[in-house]
Amino acid sequence: MILSKTAKNGFTLIELVVVIIVLGILAVIALPKFVNFHADSKVAVLDGIAGAMKSGLDLVHSKAVIEGENVGSGSIEYAGVTIPLYNGYPAVDGNDSFDELNRQVRAWLDIDSVSLTTIKLDNDAAPFFVDKSTANNHIYIFFSEDLNDKSVSFNCHIRYENAINATEPVITVKHSDC
């Protein structure tokens, strides 16, 4: 008696369907971890604002030089707002109100922002809000949607530091928590 051996070639339809389902589940779980468009867009916006801030600071400094306000303390009128200066760059005074600091930032940065006091009243008032560190004389720019996440260690913002120990202000972009 001769037994014939039949060779099995390929996969069955059920095996292919199971593989496709497993790949689909993996894609649904893994894709958001690799592609986070929301965070990427926030990082790009912060980088854009930092670039605009540097350009705005150059314009303020140029006007300060023209008006002879580029050495020591001084002030200039810029976009209808009095900007206090130190060595020709905006000087943050942490004792100024949130509203006053926001007016100054909006003058030289031309950004759609509100103060911390305003954003607490209406979270949809603007896409950004200006905060401050009174002790360090720093200005912070946050996304309005991040108001509830904002803390000392929250790193999705731009920080402006006075040009006290440097020739020009220091702009730091933090986006590890975006």
Protein backbone atom coordinates (compact mmCIF):
# COMPACT_ATOMS: atom_id res chain seq x y z
CA MET A 1 0.00 0.00 0.00
CA ILE A 2 1.33 3.40 -0.96
CA LEU A 3 0.58 6.37 1.25
CA SER A 4 0.70 9.70 -0.39
CA LYS A 5 2.02 12.65 1.52
CA THR A 6 0.40 15.92 0.76
CA ALA A 7 2.48 18.97 1.51
CA LYS A 8 0.76 21.87 3.16
CA ASN A 9 1.69 25.15 1.48
CA GLY A 10 0.84 28.64 2.80
CA PHE A 11 -1.40 29.84 5.62
CA THR A 12 -5.02 29.15 6.24
CA LEU A 13 -7.53 31.96 6.07
CA ILE A 14 -8.02 31.87 9.85
CA GLU A 15 -4.27 32.25 10.47
CA LEU A 16 -4.14 35.29 8.19
CA VAL A 17 -7.14 36.91 9.90
CA VAL A 18 -5.59 36.36 13.35
CA VAL A 19 -2.30 37.96 12.21
CA ILE A 20 -4.15 40.96 10.76
CA ILE A 21 -6.15 41.43 13.97
CA VAL A 22 -2.99 41.24 16.12
CA LEU A 23 -1.22 43.79 13.88
CA GLY A 24 -4.26 46.07 14.07
CA ILE A 25 -4.30 45.94 17.86
CA LEU A 26 -0.57 46.67 18.00
CA ALA A 27 -1.01 49.62 15.64
CA VAL A 28 -3.81 51.10 17.73
CA ILE A 29 -1.77 50.79 20.92
CA ALA A 30 1.69 51.73 19.61
CA LEU A 31 0.96 54.43 17.01
CA PRO A 32 -0.07 57.17 19.47
CA LYS A 33 3.15 56.60 21.40
CA PHE A 34 5.23 57.20 18.28
CA VAL A 35 3.13 59.94 16.73
CA ASN A 36 1.99 62.63 19.13
CA PHE A 37 0.95 65.46 16.85
CA HIS A 38 -0.48 67.57 19.66
CA ALA A 39 2.78 67.63 21.61
CA ASP A 40 4.80 68.14 18.43
CA SER A 41 2.66 71.12 17.47
CA LYS A 42 3.04 72.67 20.94
CA VAL A 43 6.82 72.28 20.72
CA ALA A 44 6.83 73.94 17.29
CA VAL A 45 4.67 76.81 18.54
CA LEU A 46 6.95 77.40 21.54
CA ASP A 47 10.00 77.40 19.29
CA GLY A 48 8.25 79.89 16.98
CA ILE A 49 7.36 82.17 19.87
CA ALA A 50 10.95 82.05 21.12
CA GLY A 51 12.16 83.12 17.66
CA ALA A 52 9.60 85.93 17.55
CA MET A 53 10.65 86.95 21.06
CA LYS A 54 14.29 87.24 19.99
CA SER A 55 13.29 89.36 16.99
CA GLY A 56 11.07 91.56 19.16
CA LEU A 57 13.90 92.03 21.64
CA ASP A 58 16.21 93.09 18.81
CA LEU A 59 13.67 95.73 17.75
CA VAL A 60 13.27 97.02 21.31
CA HIS A 61 17.05 97.12 21.74
CA SER A 62 17.47 98.98 18.44
CA LYS A 63 14.95 101.60 19.53
CA ALA A 64 16.66 101.86 22.92
CA VAL A 65 20.02 102.46 21.21
CA ILE A 66 18.50 105.13 18.95
CA GLU A 67 16.95 106.88 21.97
CA GLY A 68 20.13 106.54 24.09
CA GLU A 69 18.47 104.21 26.62
CA ASN A 70 20.83 101.26 26.12
CA VAL A 71 23.06 101.71 29.19
CA GLY A 72 21.81 101.00 32.70
CA SER A 73 18.18 101.52 33.61
CA GLY A 74 15.81 103.39 31.35
CA SER A 75 12.55 103.12 29.47
CA ILE A 76 11.06 103.61 26.03
CA GLU A 77 7.59 103.90 24.57
CA TYR A 78 7.00 100.92 22.32
CA ALA A 79 3.67 100.14 20.66
CA GLY A 80 2.01 102.59 23.03
CA VAL A 81 3.36 100.91 26.17
CA THR A 82 6.15 102.13 28.46
CA ILE A 83 8.78 99.39 28.53
CA PRO A 84 11.26 99.53 31.44
CA LEU A 85 14.76 98.69 30.25
CA TYR A 86 18.08 97.51 31.52
CA ASN A 87 20.97 97.90 29.07
CA GLY A 88 18.46 98.41 26.29
CA TYR A 89 16.40 95.25 26.86
CA PRO A 90 13.06 94.86 28.65
CA ALA A 91 13.57 94.67 32.41
CA VAL A 92 11.13 92.45 34.23
CA ASP A 93 10.08 93.72 37.63
CA GLY A 94 8.47 90.87 39.51
CA ASN A 95 6.56 93.42 41.60
CA ASP A 96 4.63 94.62 38.54
CA SER A 97 1.11 93.23 38.24
CA PHE A 98 0.37 90.29 35.96
CA ASP A 99 -1.68 92.63 33.77
CA GLU A 100 1.16 95.16 33.45
CA LEU A 101 3.70 92.49 32.55
CA ASN A 102 1.29 91.08 29.97
CA ARG A 103 0.90 94.56 28.39
CA GLN A 104 4.67 94.87 28.15
CA VAL A 105 5.12 91.39 26.66
CA ARG A 106 2.33 91.98 24.14
CA ALA A 107 3.98 95.24 23.09
CA TRP A 108 7.36 93.77 22.19
CA LEU A 109 6.28 90.24 21.32
CA ASP A 110 2.92 90.90 19.61
CA ILE A 111 1.38 87.69 20.96
CA ASP A 112 -2.24 86.89 21.72
CA SER A 113 -1.86 86.46 25.47
CA VAL A 114 -3.56 87.46 28.69
CA SER A 115 -2.35 87.74 32.25
CA LEU A 116 -2.57 84.95 34.80
CA THR A 117 -5.36 86.81 36.60
CA THR A 118 -7.41 86.99 33.39
CA ILE A 119 -6.89 83.35 32.37
CA LYS A 120 -8.04 82.19 35.81
CA LEU A 121 -11.35 83.97 35.19
CA ASP A 122 -11.76 82.79 31.59
CA ASN A 123 -9.68 79.86 30.37
CA ASP A 124 -10.67 80.64 26.77
CA ALA A 125 -9.57 84.29 26.87
CA ALA A 126 -6.45 83.68 24.74
CA PRO A 127 -4.24 80.79 23.62
CA PHE A 128 -1.41 81.91 25.96
CA PHE A 129 -1.05 83.48 29.37
CA VAL A 130 1.82 85.37 30.98
CA ASP A 131 2.97 84.43 34.46
CA LYS A 132 5.91 85.67 36.53
CA SER A 133 8.37 84.73 39.19
CA THR A 134 8.44 87.71 41.51
CA ALA A 135 11.56 86.57 43.35
CA ASN A 136 13.59 85.88 40.18
CA ASN A 137 12.16 88.62 37.97
CA HIS A 138 11.28 86.10 35.25
CA ILE A 139 8.39 86.09 32.81
CA TYR A 140 6.80 82.81 31.73
CA ILE A 141 4.55 82.18 28.75
CA PHE A 142 2.28 79.15 29.02
CA PHE A 143 -0.43 77.62 26.87
CA SER A 144 -3.82 78.48 28.33
CA GLU A 145 -4.86 74.83 28.14
CA ASP A 146 -2.01 74.02 30.55
CA LEU A 147 -3.27 76.27 33.37
CA ASN A 148 -4.27 73.35 35.59
CA ASP A 149 -0.96 71.52 34.96
CA LYS A 150 1.23 74.57 35.66
CA SER A 151 3.58 74.08 38.59
CA VAL A 152 7.14 74.81 39.56
CA SER A 153 8.34 71.68 37.75
CA PHE A 154 6.02 71.89 34.71
CA ASN A 155 8.18 72.14 31.57
CA CYS A 156 6.04 73.38 28.69
CA HIS A 157 6.71 77.11 28.58
CA ILE A 158 9.08 79.91 27.61
CA ARG A 159 11.02 81.75 30.30
CA TYR A 160 12.45 85.26 29.90
CA GLU A 161 15.25 86.34 32.22
CA ASN A 162 16.56 89.88 32.56
CA ALA A 163 19.91 90.79 31.07
CA ILE A 164 21.49 91.48 34.46
CA ASN A 165 24.49 89.16 34.38
CA ALA A 166 24.54 88.71 30.62
CA THR A 167 24.87 91.03 27.65
CA GLU A 168 21.32 90.23 26.56
CA PRO A 169 18.28 88.51 28.06
CA VAL A 170 18.14 84.74 28.35
CA ILE A 171 15.23 82.98 26.66
CA THR A 172 14.70 79.38 27.70
CA VAL A 173 12.24 77.10 25.93
CA LYS A 174 11.09 74.08 27.93
CA HIS A 175 9.02 71.45 26.16
CA SER A 176 9.65 68.13 27.87
CA ASP A 177 6.08 68.14 29.33
CA CYS A 178 4.21 69.27 26.24
